[in-house]
Structures are given as structure tokens and as C-alpha cells.
Amino acid sequence: MIPPMSRIRGKLPEGINPEVKVQKAGKAILSLADQTLIRRKTLRLSQHQVSEKAGLGRDAVHRIEKAQANPTLTDVEAVAKALDSKLTINLIPK
């Protein structure tokens, strides 16, 4: 569930609006990048804090949030844990 904008602390980058969701197969989805950024801002954590908790470099978290990375599943799991979140993967038929 996406929190209301009033609960997200800090300014989100231009073009990111957590109130807008992509519809696919009848379900609302956001990219990994958007979900990571929104969750981090909601928890009021810096990229540095997330990277330390996840055991990754700050650049890795930055690249994930900018959708400029192809992180391993292990790295995504570590970021999810650092963000006190559960990672789920869904295969959605075309």
C-alpha cells in the first residue's frame, strides 16, 4: 500500500508521484525504483543509512532508485530488509 503524500517526508524527485499507479492485469504496480524511493522517504532514511543497513554501497542504492542498475536478487532482498519491507515477486501473465 502506498502511503498518502502527507506521510512521505522529504521532496521526491520531479516526475515521481506515488499517487499515480501503473495498471497491469488489474493490479496497481510501481517499479522497484519508485517503491524503494517512496519507502525510504516514508521511513525518513537517507540513501547512506539504507546502504549501511543493507551492506551495500550508497551508489548501489542510488542506482536502484534511479533505475540505473540491474541488482541481484540478494541485493534487492537486502534493500527490502533495510527498508523493513517484505520482498515478493509475482509472475503476471501477458
Protein backbone atom coordinates (compact mmCIF):
# COMPACT_ATOMS: atom_id res chain seq x y z
CA MET A 1 0.00 0.00 0.00
CA ILE A 2 1.30 3.41 -0.94
CA PRO A 3 1.18 5.97 1.87
CA PRO A 4 -0.56 9.30 1.29
CA MET A 5 1.74 12.12 0.21
CA SER A 6 1.33 13.76 3.61
CA ARG A 7 3.19 10.82 5.21
CA ILE A 8 6.16 10.98 2.86
CA ARG A 9 8.85 13.22 4.30
CA GLY A 10 11.32 14.93 2.03
CA LYS A 11 10.85 16.03 -1.53
CA LEU A 12 10.53 13.33 -4.15
CA PRO A 13 12.38 13.85 -7.43
CA GLU A 14 10.50 15.52 -10.23
CA GLY A 15 8.26 13.11 -12.11
CA ILE A 16 7.70 10.73 -9.19
CA ASN A 17 4.14 10.79 -7.94
CA PRO A 18 3.26 7.94 -5.57
CA GLU A 19 -0.44 8.67 -6.05
CA VAL A 20 -0.19 7.57 -9.69
CA LYS A 21 -0.01 3.83 -10.22
CA VAL A 22 0.51 1.77 -13.33
CA GLN A 23 -2.34 -0.63 -14.00
CA LYS A 24 -1.42 -4.08 -15.25
CA ALA A 25 -3.55 -7.18 -15.06
CA GLY A 26 -5.98 -5.32 -12.83
CA LYS A 27 -3.37 -4.57 -10.15
CA ALA A 28 -1.58 -1.38 -9.23
CA ILE A 29 2.18 -1.71 -9.54
CA LEU A 30 5.16 0.59 -9.21
CA SER A 31 8.69 -0.01 -10.40
CA LEU A 32 11.31 -1.27 -7.99
CA ALA A 33 12.97 2.14 -8.24
CA ASP A 34 9.81 4.02 -7.27
CA GLN A 35 8.95 1.61 -4.46
CA THR A 36 12.44 1.84 -3.00
CA LEU A 37 12.48 5.63 -3.10
CA ILE A 38 8.97 6.03 -1.65
CA ARG A 39 9.62 3.55 1.16
CA ARG A 40 12.95 5.19 2.05
CA LYS A 41 11.39 8.65 2.14
CA THR A 42 8.46 7.34 4.21
CA LEU A 43 10.89 5.95 6.79
CA ARG A 44 12.89 9.20 6.70
CA LEU A 45 16.09 7.37 5.87
CA SER A 46 18.99 8.62 3.77
CA GLN A 47 20.49 6.55 0.99
CA HIS A 48 23.57 6.22 3.19
CA GLN A 49 21.51 4.79 6.08
CA VAL A 50 19.81 2.27 3.77
CA SER A 51 23.11 1.26 2.21
CA GLU A 52 24.68 0.68 5.64
CA LYS A 53 21.72 -1.44 6.79
CA ALA A 54 21.76 -3.39 3.52
CA GLY A 55 25.53 -3.84 3.46
CA LEU A 56 25.77 -2.14 0.06
CA GLY A 57 27.47 0.99 -1.19
CA ARG A 58 25.45 4.20 -1.26
CA ASP A 59 25.95 4.29 -5.03
CA ALA A 60 24.15 0.94 -5.32
CA VAL A 61 21.06 2.31 -3.54
CA HIS A 62 21.23 5.47 -5.65
CA ARG A 63 21.36 3.45 -8.89
CA ILE A 64 18.44 1.24 -7.77
CA GLU A 65 16.32 4.34 -7.04
CA LYS A 66 17.24 5.86 -10.42
CA ALA A 67 16.50 2.56 -12.25
CA GLN A 68 20.10 2.58 -13.49
CA ALA A 69 21.04 -0.78 -12.01
CA ASN A 70 20.38 -4.44 -12.55
CA PRO A 71 20.68 -5.51 -8.91
CA THR A 72 20.96 -9.13 -7.91
CA LEU A 73 18.08 -10.72 -6.05
CA THR A 74 20.35 -10.86 -2.99
CA ASP A 75 20.88 -7.08 -3.17
CA VAL A 76 17.16 -6.41 -3.61
CA GLU A 77 16.41 -8.64 -0.61
CA ALA A 78 19.00 -6.73 1.46
CA VAL A 79 17.45 -3.38 0.50
CA ALA A 80 13.96 -4.67 1.29
CA LYS A 81 15.14 -5.82 4.71
CA ALA A 82 16.88 -2.47 5.32
CA LEU A 83 13.57 -0.77 4.49
CA ASP A 84 11.68 -3.06 6.89
CA SER A 85 9.77 -4.49 3.94
CA LYS A 86 8.84 -7.88 2.58
CA LEU A 87 10.00 -8.72 -0.94
CA THR A 88 7.51 -10.51 -3.14
CA ILE A 89 7.82 -11.46 -6.78
CA ASN A 90 4.79 -12.03 -8.95
CA LEU A 91 4.67 -13.53 -12.41
CA ILE A 92 1.82 -11.84 -14.27
CA PRO A 93 0.54 -13.48 -17.47
CA LYS A 94 0.73 -11.29 -20.57
